[in-house]
Amino acid sequence: MRHWGQTPFSPHASLILLGALWVAAAGAPHGQARPRARGLGVPFDGTPGPLNAITDVAGVTVGHATIISGDGPLVVGKGPVRTGVTAVLPRGRDTLQKPSFGAWFSLNGNGEMTGTTWVEESGFLEGPVLITNTHSVGVARDAAIAWRLEAGPPDPSGFWWALPVVAETWDGYLNDINGMHVKPEHVFRALDEAAGGRVAEGSVGGGTGMVCYGFKGGIGTASRRLGPKDGGYTVGVLLQANFGLRRHLMVAGVPVGKEIAENDARDGAGAGAGGAETGSVIVVVATDAPLLPHQLKRLARRVSLGLARTGAMSGNGSGDIFVAFSTANPGAFAAPGLAKVEMVSNEDISPLFDATALATEEAVVNALVASDTMTGVNSRRVIGLPHDRLREVLRKYNRLVNPAS
């Protein structure tokens, strides 16, 4: 039996490692990490946590399995492969034994997030959240159940069962999506190797093959920490960005998409008839504020406002689905008997709404900034958001922080 933290040898292991090395090295001279949006001088409102990531919420861990192989013409079943899996565990190793209050919200439902009917009914998120490509939801769900059976004892109610939460966005413009390259061992790796600390962004995990606003998209994260008078709580966001039309892109209130209009991959990757939006975004919101499920649904709705700050319109063909959870009230999922919980008053909840919207906005821009140019199936090329051009546009509109740098 495979125990938590052990990663068995896999014939795909070198493939995953190759992907991780490729992402780390892309566009980063001398092994340095790519800058984040703030490092380029993009101004944002609100105060981030120390990592400016979902892992600023204590206990939250994130893992990726990145699969990159092959070049040239598409051969279904062989590649090129540009895909993966991302896992978010609300309480790290305690996730399965201490379910969290949770809720979900669909801004537009042309997408998939499994397990949400039970989240809605019970008010609890009882395991990790997995994000992958559209045609790998099934294997990720089944692998999550297998992992759950091997990772520990029955849940606190004594049952061996699971309704995993698995979400998707479509990476078929760059990836052999019908080749079914995500395997159970990739899901196991993302779950087993999930950790706190800095979170890899851009073309990693489930975000490997994604396109956002016609630029290379992928995984992005950010956080906001409230001041003492508002409770000192933290809100963290992680998202998989595969949405948006170039002409709509706004960064810090600046029409970046109109200013950098060339090399728009969305002309062939996510724009429907008449140029309509057909992309998707999955967003995970974590907080340490003691919120009940109905309050977490209110938080999840505010993701929509953060996306709108970047220009999102959520068209008919877009799958925009969000899940939120709280790491407070660890004893809420109790054995039969009385469970005592705390909650933030509705009169004091608005700063958490603000934090959610602002962290979502920054997470989108972080995903764009972190994602380097990628070539995939049939030699299709999606450029990364050019950092120098972004700075030029922000400077033009007097929005660049430290414009002399």
Protein backbone atom coordinates (compact mmCIF):
# COMPACT_ATOMS: atom_id res chain seq x y z
CA MET A 1 0.00 0.00 0.00
CA ARG A 2 1.23 3.51 -0.82
CA HIS A 3 1.36 5.65 2.31
CA TRP A 4 0.95 9.41 2.52
CA GLY A 5 4.06 11.20 1.38
CA GLN A 6 5.47 8.23 -0.55
CA THR A 7 5.63 8.54 -4.32
CA PRO A 8 6.03 5.20 -6.09
CA PHE A 9 8.17 4.92 -9.20
CA SER A 10 6.13 5.82 -12.25
CA PRO A 11 6.98 5.37 -15.92
CA HIS A 12 5.81 8.97 -16.29
CA ALA A 13 8.05 10.33 -13.53
CA SER A 14 10.74 11.64 -15.87
CA LEU A 15 8.03 13.30 -17.93
CA ILE A 16 6.73 15.12 -14.87
CA LEU A 17 10.23 16.13 -13.79
CA LEU A 18 11.01 17.39 -17.26
CA GLY A 19 7.92 19.57 -17.12
CA ALA A 20 8.88 20.97 -13.73
CA LEU A 21 12.40 21.81 -14.89
CA TRP A 22 11.15 23.35 -18.11
CA VAL A 23 8.78 25.62 -16.24
CA ALA A 24 11.40 26.66 -13.71
CA ALA A 25 13.93 27.52 -16.38
CA ALA A 26 11.73 29.19 -18.99
CA GLY A 27 12.70 32.82 -19.40
CA ALA A 28 14.63 32.86 -16.13
CA PRO A 29 18.35 33.57 -16.62
CA HIS A 30 20.79 31.83 -14.30
CA GLY A 31 17.99 29.82 -12.69
CA GLN A 32 16.23 32.85 -11.26
CA ALA A 33 12.46 32.66 -10.84
CA ARG A 34 10.31 34.81 -13.11
CA PRO A 35 9.11 38.01 -11.41
CA ARG A 36 5.57 38.35 -10.19
CA ALA A 37 3.26 41.21 -11.13
CA ARG A 38 4.24 43.42 -8.19
CA GLY A 39 7.90 42.88 -9.05
CA LEU A 40 7.25 44.40 -12.47
CA GLY A 41 5.72 47.49 -10.90
CA VAL A 42 2.01 46.64 -11.26
CA PRO A 43 0.06 48.52 -8.57
CA PHE A 44 -2.61 46.65 -6.63
CA ASP A 45 -4.94 47.63 -3.81
CA GLY A 46 -4.92 45.87 -0.46
CA THR A 47 -2.24 44.30 1.72
CA PRO A 48 -0.99 40.83 0.75
CA GLY A 49 0.20 38.17 3.15
CA PRO A 50 3.93 37.39 3.37
CA LEU A 51 3.84 34.96 0.42
CA ASN A 52 1.02 36.69 -1.47
CA ALA A 53 -0.40 33.21 -2.07
CA ILE A 54 -3.22 30.94 -1.00
CA THR A 55 -0.73 29.26 1.34
CA ASP A 56 -0.74 32.40 3.50
CA VAL A 57 -3.85 30.79 4.99
CA ALA A 58 -2.24 28.53 7.58
CA GLY A 59 -2.50 24.83 6.82
CA VAL A 60 -3.34 25.14 3.12
CA THR A 61 -1.03 23.16 0.84
CA VAL A 62 -0.70 23.09 -2.96
CA GLY A 63 0.80 20.46 -5.27
CA HIS A 64 1.33 20.25 -9.03
CA ALA A 65 2.05 17.48 -11.50
CA THR A 66 3.20 18.97 -14.82
CA ILE A 67 3.30 16.85 -17.99
CA ILE A 68 5.20 18.22 -20.98
CA SER A 69 6.48 16.11 -23.88
CA GLY A 70 6.69 16.07 -27.67
CA ASP A 71 6.56 18.66 -30.41
CA GLY A 72 5.11 19.04 -33.89
CA PRO A 73 1.94 17.62 -35.45
CA LEU A 74 -0.84 16.30 -33.25
CA VAL A 75 -0.98 12.52 -32.97
CA VAL A 76 -3.82 11.62 -30.62
CA GLY A 77 -2.52 9.44 -27.84
CA LYS A 78 1.10 10.48 -28.36
CA GLY A 79 1.11 14.26 -28.15
CA PRO A 80 2.39 16.87 -28.03
CA VAL A 81 1.44 16.92 -24.34
CA ARG A 82 1.01 20.14 -22.37
CA THR A 83 -1.16 19.36 -19.35
CA GLY A 84 -1.21 18.35 -15.69
CA VAL A 85 -2.99 18.40 -12.34
CA THR A 86 -3.08 20.89 -9.46
CA ALA A 87 -4.22 19.97 -5.95
CA VAL A 88 -5.31 22.27 -3.12
CA LEU A 89 -5.63 20.69 0.34
CA PRO A 90 -7.50 22.89 2.84
CA ARG A 91 -5.77 21.48 5.92
CA GLY A 92 -2.78 19.72 4.44
CA ARG A 93 -2.39 16.25 5.94
CA ASP A 94 -5.41 16.80 8.19
CA THR A 95 -7.75 17.48 5.26
CA LEU A 96 -9.47 14.10 5.26
CA GLN A 97 -10.03 13.94 9.00
CA LYS A 98 -11.09 17.56 9.49
CA PRO A 99 -13.49 18.64 6.74
CA SER A 100 -13.92 22.38 6.28
CA PHE A 101 -16.98 24.52 5.89
CA GLY A 102 -17.31 25.18 2.16
CA ALA A 103 -19.50 26.54 -0.62
CA TRP A 104 -19.42 26.95 -4.38
CA PHE A 105 -20.76 29.33 -7.00
CA SER A 106 -21.11 29.18 -10.77
CA LEU A 107 -20.89 32.51 -12.57
CA ASN A 108 -21.39 30.66 -15.87
CA GLY A 109 -21.76 26.92 -16.03
CA ASN A 110 -20.16 25.81 -19.31
CA GLY A 111 -17.69 23.77 -17.28
CA GLU A 112 -17.40 21.08 -14.64
CA MET A 113 -16.75 20.89 -10.92
CA THR A 114 -17.69 17.51 -9.48
CA GLY A 115 -18.92 16.95 -5.94
CA THR A 116 -20.60 20.32 -5.64
CA THR A 117 -24.12 19.03 -4.97
CA TRP A 118 -22.89 17.52 -1.70
CA VAL A 119 -20.89 20.64 -0.84
CA GLU A 120 -24.12 22.59 -1.32
CA GLU A 121 -26.21 20.13 0.67
CA SER A 122 -23.82 19.44 3.55
CA GLY A 123 -21.98 22.74 3.79
CA PHE A 124 -18.65 20.93 3.99
CA LEU A 125 -15.67 20.44 1.72
CA GLU A 126 -14.55 16.94 2.75
CA GLY A 127 -11.33 16.59 0.79
CA PRO A 128 -8.94 18.31 -1.61
CA VAL A 129 -9.81 20.37 -4.68
CA LEU A 130 -8.24 19.11 -7.92
CA ILE A 131 -7.95 21.10 -11.16
CA THR A 132 -7.02 19.56 -14.51
CA ASN A 133 -8.05 19.61 -18.17
CA THR A 134 -11.61 19.05 -19.35
CA HIS A 135 -11.20 15.46 -20.53
CA SER A 136 -9.26 14.33 -17.45
CA VAL A 137 -11.89 15.09 -14.82
CA GLY A 138 -12.96 11.43 -14.68
CA VAL A 139 -9.52 9.97 -14.10
CA ALA A 140 -8.73 12.67 -11.54
CA ARG A 141 -11.94 11.96 -9.66
CA ASP A 142 -11.35 8.20 -9.60
CA ALA A 143 -7.72 8.67 -8.58
CA ALA A 144 -8.77 10.99 -5.76
CA ILE A 145 -10.99 8.23 -4.38
CA ALA A 146 -8.16 5.68 -4.63
CA TRP A 147 -5.82 8.13 -2.90
CA ARG A 148 -8.36 8.76 -0.19
CA LEU A 149 -8.69 5.03 0.51
CA GLU A 150 -4.92 4.64 0.82
CA ALA A 151 -4.08 7.90 2.53
CA GLY A 152 -5.74 7.25 5.87
CA PRO A 153 -8.54 5.80 7.97
CA PRO A 154 -12.25 6.29 7.31
CA ASP A 155 -13.66 9.79 7.60
CA PRO A 156 -14.81 11.08 11.01
CA SER A 157 -18.26 9.58 10.46
CA GLY A 158 -16.69 6.14 10.00
CA PHE A 159 -17.30 5.69 6.28
CA TRP A 160 -14.91 4.87 3.43
CA TRP A 161 -16.42 7.01 0.72
CA ALA A 162 -15.77 10.21 -1.19
CA LEU A 163 -17.39 12.65 -3.61
CA PRO A 164 -14.23 14.44 -4.79
CA VAL A 165 -14.24 18.03 -5.99
CA VAL A 166 -12.51 18.07 -9.38
CA ALA A 167 -12.69 21.03 -11.78
CA GLU A 168 -11.45 21.69 -15.29
CA THR A 169 -10.60 24.11 -18.06
CA TRP A 170 -9.89 23.19 -21.70
CA ASP A 171 -6.28 23.02 -22.88
CA GLY A 172 -6.87 21.48 -26.32
CA TYR A 173 -5.30 24.36 -28.25
CA LEU A 174 -1.84 23.39 -27.00
CA ASN A 175 -2.37 19.90 -25.60
CA ASP A 176 -3.37 16.49 -27.00
CA ILE A 177 -6.45 16.65 -24.81
CA ASN A 178 -8.05 13.55 -26.36
CA GLY A 179 -4.90 11.53 -25.70
CA MET A 180 -5.86 11.13 -22.02
CA HIS A 181 -2.32 11.73 -20.77
CA VAL A 182 -3.27 12.49 -17.17
CA LYS A 183 -2.97 9.21 -15.26
CA PRO A 184 -3.72 8.28 -11.64
CA GLU A 185 -0.04 8.55 -10.72
CA HIS A 186 -0.05 12.21 -11.73
CA VAL A 187 -2.98 12.87 -9.41
CA PHE A 188 -1.23 10.96 -6.62
CA ARG A 189 1.91 13.02 -7.14
CA ALA A 190 0.06 16.35 -6.96
CA LEU A 191 -1.67 15.26 -3.76
CA ASP A 192 1.29 13.58 -2.08
CA GLU A 193 3.72 16.40 -2.81
CA ALA A 194 1.37 19.25 -1.87
CA ALA A 195 3.15 21.66 0.46
CA GLY A 196 2.89 25.06 2.06
CA GLY A 197 5.19 27.93 1.24
CA ARG A 198 5.70 29.47 -2.18
CA VAL A 199 3.36 28.28 -4.91
CA ALA A 200 4.58 27.65 -8.47
CA GLU A 201 2.60 29.72 -10.98
CA GLY A 202 2.10 29.94 -14.71
CA SER A 203 2.51 26.88 -16.92
CA VAL A 204 2.44 24.29 -14.15
CA GLY A 205 0.01 21.59 -13.04
CA GLY A 206 -3.48 21.93 -14.43
CA GLY A 207 -2.53 25.31 -15.89
CA THR A 208 0.22 23.95 -18.14
CA GLY A 209 -1.63 24.26 -21.45
CA MET A 210 -3.99 27.15 -20.72
CA VAL A 211 -4.53 30.46 -22.56
CA CYS A 212 -5.71 33.68 -20.87
CA TYR A 213 -6.70 36.88 -22.69
CA GLY A 214 -4.88 35.56 -25.76
CA PHE A 215 -1.61 35.27 -23.83
CA LYS A 216 -0.20 32.17 -22.20
CA GLY A 217 -2.25 31.53 -19.06
CA GLY A 218 -2.19 29.03 -16.22
CA ILE A 219 -2.01 28.99 -12.43
CA GLY A 220 -2.00 32.20 -10.42
CA THR A 221 -2.31 32.94 -6.72
CA ALA A 222 -2.48 35.92 -4.36
CA SER A 223 -3.66 36.81 -0.87
CA ARG A 224 -4.92 39.67 1.26
CA ARG A 225 -4.47 40.18 4.99
CA LEU A 226 -6.96 42.32 6.88
CA GLY A 227 -5.89 44.83 9.49
CA PRO A 228 -6.45 44.23 13.22
CA LYS A 229 -9.65 46.29 13.32
CA ASP A 230 -11.13 43.95 10.68
CA GLY A 231 -10.08 40.80 12.50
CA GLY A 232 -6.61 40.26 11.04
CA TYR A 233 -7.93 37.45 8.83
CA THR A 234 -6.30 36.21 5.63
CA VAL A 235 -7.97 35.42 2.31
CA GLY A 236 -6.02 33.45 -0.29
CA VAL A 237 -6.93 32.72 -3.89
CA LEU A 238 -5.60 30.19 -6.40
CA LEU A 239 -6.99 30.05 -9.91
CA GLN A 240 -6.54 28.30 -13.23
CA ALA A 241 -6.85 31.02 -15.88
CA ASN A 242 -8.05 29.97 -19.33
CA PHE A 243 -10.44 32.79 -20.16
CA GLY A 244 -10.85 36.26 -21.59
CA LEU A 245 -10.63 38.12 -24.89
CA ARG A 246 -7.55 40.25 -25.54
CA ARG A 247 -9.48 43.44 -26.19
CA HIS A 248 -11.01 43.21 -22.71
CA LEU A 249 -7.80 42.79 -20.69
CA MET A 250 -7.30 45.42 -18.00
CA VAL A 251 -4.30 45.54 -15.67
CA ALA A 252 -4.49 48.02 -12.79
CA GLY A 253 -7.23 49.85 -14.67
CA VAL A 254 -5.14 50.16 -17.85
CA PRO A 255 -6.42 48.75 -21.20
CA VAL A 256 -3.40 46.52 -21.70
CA GLY A 257 -5.23 44.23 -24.13
CA LYS A 258 -5.92 47.07 -26.55
CA GLU A 259 -2.38 48.39 -26.24
CA ILE A 260 -0.78 44.98 -26.84
CA ALA A 261 -3.10 43.62 -29.51
CA GLU A 262 -0.68 41.56 -31.62
CA ASN A 263 -0.10 37.77 -31.43
CA ASP A 264 -3.55 37.08 -29.99
CA ALA A 265 -3.92 33.33 -29.49
CA ARG A 266 -7.58 33.68 -28.56
CA ASP A 267 -8.33 34.22 -32.23
CA GLY A 268 -7.95 30.44 -32.45
CA ALA A 269 -8.11 29.30 -28.83
CA GLY A 270 -11.32 30.15 -27.08
CA ALA A 271 -13.07 32.72 -29.27
CA GLY A 272 -16.38 31.47 -30.60
CA ALA A 273 -18.64 32.76 -33.33
CA GLY A 274 -18.38 36.50 -33.63
CA GLY A 275 -15.42 36.54 -31.26
CA ALA A 276 -17.51 35.50 -28.25
CA GLU A 277 -15.83 34.33 -25.06
CA THR A 278 -15.58 30.54 -24.74
CA GLY A 279 -12.79 30.20 -22.17
CA SER A 280 -13.01 29.17 -18.52
CA VAL A 281 -11.59 29.86 -15.08
CA ILE A 282 -11.61 27.83 -11.88
CA VAL A 283 -11.03 29.72 -8.63
CA VAL A 284 -10.35 28.36 -5.13
CA VAL A 285 -10.77 30.77 -2.21
CA ALA A 286 -9.36 29.96 1.23
CA THR A 287 -9.73 31.92 4.45
CA ASP A 288 -8.99 31.51 8.14
CA ALA A 289 -11.98 33.69 9.02
CA PRO A 290 -14.73 31.73 10.81
CA LEU A 291 -17.41 31.74 8.14
CA LEU A 292 -20.43 29.48 7.78
CA PRO A 293 -21.32 27.89 4.41
CA HIS A 294 -23.82 30.57 3.40
CA GLN A 295 -21.19 33.23 4.11
CA LEU A 296 -18.60 31.33 2.09
CA LYS A 297 -20.98 31.30 -0.86
CA ARG A 298 -21.11 35.07 -0.56
CA LEU A 299 -17.31 35.11 -0.64
CA ALA A 300 -17.28 32.87 -3.73
CA ARG A 301 -19.61 35.27 -5.53
CA ARG A 302 -17.13 38.10 -5.01
CA VAL A 303 -14.62 36.25 -7.18
CA SER A 304 -16.75 37.51 -10.08
CA LEU A 305 -15.91 41.11 -9.18
CA GLY A 306 -12.20 40.38 -9.08
CA LEU A 307 -12.33 38.78 -12.51
CA ALA A 308 -14.29 41.75 -13.81
CA ARG A 309 -11.51 44.08 -12.63
CA THR A 310 -9.26 42.33 -15.18
CA GLY A 311 -11.88 42.63 -17.95
CA ALA A 312 -13.69 39.29 -17.73
CA MET A 313 -17.18 39.21 -19.28
CA SER A 314 -18.11 35.55 -18.66
CA GLY A 315 -19.62 34.76 -22.05
CA ASN A 316 -22.12 32.05 -22.87
CA GLY A 317 -19.40 29.52 -23.62
CA SER A 318 -17.29 30.26 -20.54
CA GLY A 319 -17.05 27.92 -17.56
CA ASP A 320 -16.46 30.15 -14.52
CA ILE A 321 -16.83 28.11 -11.33
CA PHE A 322 -15.58 28.94 -7.84
CA VAL A 323 -15.25 27.14 -4.51
CA ALA A 324 -14.52 28.71 -1.11
CA PHE A 325 -13.61 27.15 2.23
CA SER A 326 -12.69 28.21 5.75
CA THR A 327 -9.99 26.61 7.89
CA ALA A 328 -11.59 27.95 11.07
CA ASN A 329 -13.92 25.81 13.21
CA PRO A 330 -11.83 22.62 12.88
CA GLY A 331 -14.23 20.71 15.12
CA ALA A 332 -17.38 21.61 13.16
CA PHE A 333 -17.54 18.24 11.39
CA ALA A 334 -18.31 16.43 14.62
CA ALA A 335 -19.37 12.94 15.55
CA PRO A 336 -23.01 12.70 16.62
CA GLY A 337 -23.60 15.36 19.21
CA LEU A 338 -23.50 19.11 19.56
CA ALA A 339 -20.87 21.00 17.57
CA LYS A 340 -20.02 24.52 18.63
CA VAL A 341 -18.87 26.95 15.95
CA GLU A 342 -18.01 30.62 15.59
CA MET A 343 -18.87 32.98 12.77
CA VAL A 344 -18.00 36.48 11.66
CA SER A 345 -20.97 38.80 11.96
CA ASN A 346 -22.51 39.84 8.67
CA GLU A 347 -21.92 43.41 9.83
CA ASP A 348 -18.17 42.73 9.74
CA ILE A 349 -17.92 40.61 6.58
CA SER A 350 -17.46 43.29 3.92
CA PRO A 351 -13.64 43.53 4.28
CA LEU A 352 -13.50 39.81 3.44
CA PHE A 353 -15.50 40.51 0.29
CA ASP A 354 -13.00 43.21 -0.66
CA ALA A 355 -10.07 40.88 0.03
CA THR A 356 -11.54 38.15 -2.17
CA ALA A 357 -12.07 40.45 -5.15
CA LEU A 358 -8.65 42.08 -4.86
CA ALA A 359 -6.76 38.79 -4.42
CA THR A 360 -8.59 37.34 -7.42
CA GLU A 361 -7.61 40.30 -9.60
CA GLU A 362 -3.95 39.98 -8.65
CA ALA A 363 -3.94 36.19 -9.06
CA VAL A 364 -5.05 36.60 -12.69
CA VAL A 365 -2.24 39.05 -13.43
CA ASN A 366 0.25 36.82 -11.61
CA ALA A 367 -0.80 33.91 -13.83
CA LEU A 368 -0.17 36.02 -16.94
CA VAL A 369 3.16 37.38 -15.73
CA ALA A 370 4.43 33.94 -14.69
CA SER A 371 3.56 32.20 -17.96
CA ASP A 372 6.25 32.10 -20.61
CA THR A 373 5.67 31.56 -24.34
CA MET A 374 4.70 27.96 -25.15
CA THR A 375 4.49 25.97 -28.40
CA GLY A 376 2.17 22.98 -28.46
CA VAL A 377 0.17 20.79 -30.84
CA ASN A 378 0.64 21.46 -34.54
CA SER A 379 3.34 23.98 -33.57
CA ARG A 380 0.76 26.43 -32.27
CA ARG A 381 2.51 29.16 -30.34
CA VAL A 382 1.03 31.22 -27.52
CA ILE A 383 3.17 34.12 -26.35
CA GLY A 384 3.65 35.03 -22.73
CA LEU A 385 2.61 38.52 -21.69
CA PRO A 386 5.75 40.54 -22.59
CA HIS A 387 7.03 42.13 -19.39
CA ASP A 388 8.72 45.07 -21.09
CA ARG A 389 5.60 45.94 -23.07
CA LEU A 390 3.44 45.67 -19.95
CA ARG A 391 5.69 48.13 -18.15
CA GLU A 392 5.66 50.49 -21.12
CA VAL A 393 1.87 50.55 -21.18
CA LEU A 394 1.59 51.08 -17.43
CA ARG A 395 4.12 53.91 -17.68
CA LYS A 396 2.12 55.49 -20.50
CA TYR A 397 -0.94 55.66 -18.24
CA ASN A 398 1.09 56.77 -15.18
CA ARG A 399 0.29 53.53 -13.37
CA LEU A 400 3.75 51.97 -13.12
CA VAL A 401 5.26 51.70 -9.66
CA ASN A 402 8.90 52.88 -9.70
CA PRO A 403 8.71 53.98 -13.37
CA ALA A 404 12.40 54.86 -13.42
CA SER A 405 13.48 51.30 -12.72
